[in-house]
C-alpha atoms as a PDB file:
ATOM      1  CA  MET A   1      18.238   4.576  -8.605  1.00  0.00           C
ATOM      2  CA  SER A   2      15.947   1.611  -9.092  1.00  0.00           C
ATOM      3  CA  GLY A   3      12.589   2.233 -10.717  1.00  0.00           C
ATOM      4  CA  TYR A   4       9.313   1.377  -9.043  1.00  0.00           C
ATOM      5  CA  VAL A   5       8.858  -1.677 -11.287  1.00  0.00           C
ATOM      6  CA  LEU A   6      12.142  -3.163 -10.087  1.00  0.00           C
ATOM      7  CA  HIS A   7      11.125  -2.520  -6.475  1.00  0.00           C
ATOM      8  CA  LEU A   8       7.800  -4.265  -7.036  1.00  0.00           C
ATOM      9  CA  LEU A   9       9.454  -7.251  -8.725  1.00  0.00           C
ATOM     10  CA  ALA A  10      11.996  -7.614  -5.919  1.00  0.00           C
ATOM     11  CA  TYR A  11       9.223  -7.454  -3.341  1.00  0.00           C
ATOM     12  CA  CYS A  12       7.237 -10.123  -5.199  1.00  0.00           C
ATOM     13  CA  MET A  13      10.247 -12.441  -4.976  1.00  0.00           C
ATOM     14  CA  PHE A  14      10.578 -11.769  -1.242  1.00  0.00           C
ATOM     15  CA  ALA A  15       6.842 -12.264  -0.756  1.00  0.00           C
ATOM     16  CA  ALA A  16       6.891 -15.577  -2.623  1.00  0.00           C
ATOM     17  CA  VAL A  17       9.546 -16.904  -0.257  1.00  0.00           C
ATOM     18  CA  LEU A  18       7.798 -15.408   2.758  1.00  0.00           C
ATOM     19  CA  SER A  19       4.437 -16.945   1.840  1.00  0.00           C
ATOM     20  CA  GLN A  20       6.078 -20.387   1.748  1.00  0.00           C
ATOM     21  CA  MET A  21       7.630 -19.857   5.187  1.00  0.00           C
ATOM     22  CA  ILE A  22       4.553 -18.467   6.970  1.00  0.00           C
ATOM     23  CA  PRO A  23       1.302 -20.417   6.746  1.00  0.00           C
ATOM     24  CA  GLN A  24      -1.744 -18.147   6.630  1.00  0.00           C
ATOM     25  CA  ALA A  25      -5.301 -17.971   5.400  1.00  0.00           C
ATOM     26  CA  THR A  26      -5.681 -17.338   1.674  1.00  0.00           C
ATOM     27  CA  ASN A  27      -7.824 -14.229   2.185  1.00  0.00           C
ATOM     28  CA  ALA A  28      -5.090 -12.659   4.347  1.00  0.00           C
ATOM     29  CA  LEU A  29      -2.472 -13.442   1.710  1.00  0.00           C
ATOM     30  CA  ALA A  30      -3.984 -11.152  -0.932  1.00  0.00           C
ATOM     31  CA  SER A  31      -4.266  -8.262   1.535  1.00  0.00           C
ATOM     32  CA  SER A  32      -0.755  -8.916   2.815  1.00  0.00           C
ATOM     33  CA  LEU A  33       0.696  -8.814  -0.689  1.00  0.00           C
ATOM     34  CA  LEU A  34      -1.029  -5.513  -1.484  1.00  0.00           C
ATOM     35  CA  ILE A  35       0.141  -3.951   1.768  1.00  0.00           C
ATOM     36  CA  GLY A  36       3.691  -5.098   1.055  1.00  0.00           C
ATOM     37  CA  MET A  37       3.526  -3.600  -2.435  1.00  0.00           C
ATOM     38  CA  PHE A  38       2.491  -0.265  -0.954  1.00  0.00           C
ATOM     39  CA  PHE A  39       5.314  -0.420   1.591  1.00  0.00           C
ATOM     40  CA  THR A  40       7.924  -1.308  -1.017  1.00  0.00           C
ATOM     41  CA  LEU A  41       7.111   1.962  -2.790  1.00  0.00           C
ATOM     42  CA  LEU A  42       6.731   4.054   0.380  1.00  0.00           C
ATOM     43  CA  PRO A  43      10.424   5.000   0.859  1.00  0.00           C
ATOM     44  CA  ASP A  44      10.302   6.949  -2.410  1.00  0.00           C
ATOM     45  CA  ILE A  45       7.622   9.257  -1.029  1.00  0.00           C
ATOM     46  CA  ASP A  46      10.400  11.845  -0.727  1.00  0.00           C
ATOM     47  CA  ILE A  47      10.757  12.074  -4.531  1.00  0.00           C
ATOM     48  CA  PRO A  48       8.319  14.673  -5.956  1.00  0.00           C
ATOM     49  CA  SER A  49       7.829  12.722  -9.189  1.00  0.00           C
ATOM     50  CA  SER A  50       7.291   9.278  -7.602  1.00  0.00           C
ATOM     51  CA  LYS A  51       4.021   7.431  -8.069  1.00  0.00           C
ATOM     52  CA  ILE A  52       3.544   6.886  -4.347  1.00  0.00           C
ATOM     53  CA  ARG A  53       4.047  10.597  -3.633  1.00  0.00           C
ATOM     54  CA  LYS A  54       1.403  11.555  -6.180  1.00  0.00           C
ATOM     55  CA  VAL A  55      -1.058   9.058  -4.684  1.00  0.00           C
ATOM     56  CA  ILE A  56      -0.405  10.248  -1.118  1.00  0.00           C
ATOM     57  CA  GLU A  57      -0.711  13.929  -2.067  1.00  0.00           C
ATOM     58  CA  ALA A  58      -3.956  13.310  -3.980  1.00  0.00           C
ATOM     59  CA  GLY A  59      -5.314  11.241  -1.093  1.00  0.00           C
ATOM     60  CA  ALA A  60      -4.385  13.927   1.424  1.00  0.00           C
ATOM     61  CA  LEU A  61      -6.062  16.620  -0.683  1.00  0.00           C
ATOM     62  CA  LEU A  62      -9.216  14.533  -1.008  1.00  0.00           C
ATOM     63  CA  THR A  63      -9.112  13.880   2.745  1.00  0.00           C
ATOM     64  CA  VAL A  64      -8.845  17.598   3.519  1.00  0.00           C
ATOM     65  CA  ILE A  65     -11.798  18.376   1.246  1.00  0.00           C
ATOM     66  CA  CYS A  66     -13.927  15.617   2.803  1.00  0.00           C
ATOM     67  CA  LEU A  67     -13.003  16.734   6.317  1.00  0.00           C
ATOM     68  CA  LEU A  68     -13.903  20.335   5.573  1.00  0.00           C
ATOM     69  CA  VAL A  69     -17.251  19.271   4.115  1.00  0.00           C
ATOM     70  CA  ALA A  70     -17.843  17.098   7.185  1.00  0.00           C
ATOM     71  CA  TYR A  71     -17.059  20.090   9.396  1.00  0.00           C
ATOM     72  CA  LEU A  72     -19.522  22.272   7.492  1.00  0.00           C
ATOM     73  CA  LEU A  73     -22.227  19.641   7.929  1.00  0.00           C
ATOM     74  CA  THR A  74     -21.586  18.748  11.572  1.00  0.00           C
ATOM     75  CA  LYS A  75     -19.665  21.691  13.090  1.00  0.00           C
ATOM     76  CA  GLU A  76     -17.418  19.177  14.887  1.00  0.00           C
ATOM     77  CA  ALA A  77     -14.032  20.763  15.642  1.00  0.00           C
ATOM     78  CA  LEU A  78     -12.298  17.401  15.293  1.00  0.00           C
ATOM     79  CA  PHE A  79     -12.749  17.596  11.518  1.00  0.00           C
ATOM     80  CA  ILE A  80     -10.895  20.911  11.368  1.00  0.00           C
ATOM     81  CA  TYR A  81      -8.011  19.514  13.436  1.00  0.00           C
ATOM     82  CA  ALA A  82      -7.799  16.437  11.212  1.00  0.00           C
ATOM     83  CA  SER A  83      -7.753  18.581   8.070  1.00  0.00           C
ATOM     84  CA  ILE A  84      -4.934  20.705   9.527  1.00  0.00           C
ATOM     85  CA  PHE A  85      -3.014  17.524  10.347  1.00  0.00           C
ATOM     86  CA  SER A  86      -3.467  16.211   6.785  1.00  0.00           C
ATOM     87  CA  THR A  87      -2.275  19.526   5.384  1.00  0.00           C
ATOM     88  CA  LEU A  88       0.823  19.408   7.609  1.00  0.00           C
ATOM     89  CA  ILE A  89       1.670  15.946   6.299  1.00  0.00           C
ATOM     90  CA  VAL A  90       1.682  17.250   2.728  1.00  0.00           C
ATOM     91  CA  TYR A  91       3.781  20.249   3.791  1.00  0.00           C
ATOM     92  CA  LEU A  92       6.298  17.936   5.465  1.00  0.00           C
ATOM     93  CA  LEU A  93       6.550  15.908   2.261  1.00  0.00           C
ATOM     94  CA  TRP A  94       7.584  19.059   0.408  1.00  0.00           C
ATOM     95  CA  THR A  95      10.450  19.644   2.862  1.00  0.00           C
ATOM     96  CA  VAL A  96      12.103  16.209   3.096  1.00  0.00           C
ATOM     97  CA  LYS A  97      15.229  15.323   1.178  1.00  0.00           C
ATOM     98  CA  HIS A  98      15.584  12.221  -0.967  1.00  0.00           C
ATOM     99  CA  ARG A  99      17.114   9.199   0.709  1.00  0.00           C
ATOM    100  CA  GLY A 100      16.834  10.813   4.102  1.00  0.00           C
ATOM    101  CA  PHE A 101      14.684   9.531   6.957  1.00  0.00           C
ATOM    102  CA  PHE A 102      12.303   7.611   4.701  1.00  0.00           C
ATOM    103  CA  HIS A 103      15.202   5.409   3.570  1.00  0.00           C
ATOM    104  CA  THR A 104      15.916   3.994   7.027  1.00  0.00           C
ATOM    105  CA  VAL A 105      14.928   0.808   8.802  1.00  0.00           C
ATOM    106  CA  ALA A 106      13.547   2.933  11.643  1.00  0.00           C
ATOM    107  CA  ALA A 107      11.083   4.666   9.298  1.00  0.00           C
ATOM    108  CA  GLY A 108       9.868   1.337   7.944  1.00  0.00           C
ATOM    109  CA  PHE A 109       9.324   0.052  11.468  1.00  0.00           C
ATOM    110  CA  ILE A 110       7.495   3.191  12.603  1.00  0.00           C
ATOM    111  CA  PHE A 111       5.176   3.310   9.573  1.00  0.00           C
ATOM    112  CA  SER A 112       4.306  -0.383   9.640  1.00  0.00           C
ATOM    113  CA  LEU A 113       3.933  -0.760  13.415  1.00  0.00           C
ATOM    114  CA  PRO A 114       0.211   0.210  13.518  1.00  0.00           C
ATOM    115  CA  LEU A 115      -0.522  -2.760  11.240  1.00  0.00           C
ATOM    116  CA  ILE A 116       0.147  -5.109  14.168  1.00  0.00           C
ATOM    117  CA  LEU A 117      -3.093  -3.882  15.702  1.00  0.00           C
ATOM    118  CA  ILE A 118      -5.036  -4.833  12.582  1.00  0.00           C
ATOM    119  CA  GLU A 119      -3.349  -8.122  11.661  1.00  0.00           C
ATOM    120  CA  PRO A 120       0.206  -9.112  12.665  1.00  0.00           C
ATOM    121  CA  ILE A 121       0.896 -10.755   9.294  1.00  0.00           C
ATOM    122  CA  PHE A 122       0.306  -7.380   7.606  1.00  0.00           C
ATOM    123  CA  PHE A 123       3.213  -5.991   9.640  1.00  0.00           C
ATOM    124  CA  VAL A 124       5.463  -8.822   8.432  1.00  0.00           C
ATOM    125  CA  TYR A 125       4.670  -8.220   4.761  1.00  0.00           C
ATOM    126  CA  ALA A 126       4.960  -4.445   5.179  1.00  0.00           C
ATOM    127  CA  GLN A 127       8.414  -4.927   6.684  1.00  0.00           C
ATOM    128  CA  ALA A 128       9.384  -7.259   3.843  1.00  0.00           C
ATOM    129  CA  GLY A 129       8.307  -4.630   1.316  1.00  0.00           C
ATOM    130  CA  TYR A 130      10.090  -1.772   3.038  1.00  0.00           C
ATOM    131  CA  LEU A 131      13.289  -3.758   3.625  1.00  0.00           C
ATOM    132  CA  SER A 132      13.380  -5.031   0.043  1.00  0.00           C
ATOM    133  CA  HIS A 133      13.297  -1.410  -1.145  1.00  0.00           C
ATOM    134  CA  LEU A 134      16.132  -0.442   1.186  1.00  0.00           C
ATOM    135  CA  LEU A 135      18.135  -3.479   0.088  1.00  0.00           C
ATOM    136  CA  LEU A 136      17.835  -2.500  -3.577  1.00  0.00           C
ATOM    137  CA  ASP A 137      18.749   1.107  -2.787  1.00  0.00           C
ATOM    138  CA  ARG A 138      21.705  -0.097  -0.683  1.00  0.00           C
ATOM    139  CA  LYS A 139      20.290   1.675   2.363  1.00  0.00           C
ATOM    140  CA  LEU A 140      19.377  -1.384   4.427  1.00  0.00           C
ATOM    141  CA  PHE A 141      21.919  -0.664   7.135  1.00  0.00           C
ATOM    142  CA  ALA A 142      21.220   3.067   7.480  1.00  0.00           C
ATOM    143  CA  LEU A 143      20.308   3.738  11.093  1.00  0.00           C
ATOM    144  CA  ILE A 144      18.973   7.284  10.929  1.00  0.00           C
END
């Protein structure tokens, strides 16, 4: 298994080539690179000891706490539903197996698709990050 540093280095090489092929504004480039770095680590979210998993779990816990506080202050039911949803995401992370769904092209597409609504170039860099991870893990052609 490749370490996260190797995944980040491989992504940086892909991103360097990609940034030469796609002209874009300089301010979008920095954001695009950071998004791609996140997405190159994302497939390893199914490993309990991975850095990305720890960040996601901590973020989800903080989100649940903030949502519960928001509910106590506003009594809006939406905050309770969102906190339940965040808790379910963490629970699902505890049940997935390594190199399962998260190591597929389909997962990378599904997770990065909402970025098109924000900025289409973010989607491109997210895909580059995700695909570079799968390429290093020799899972690029896994369909499911």
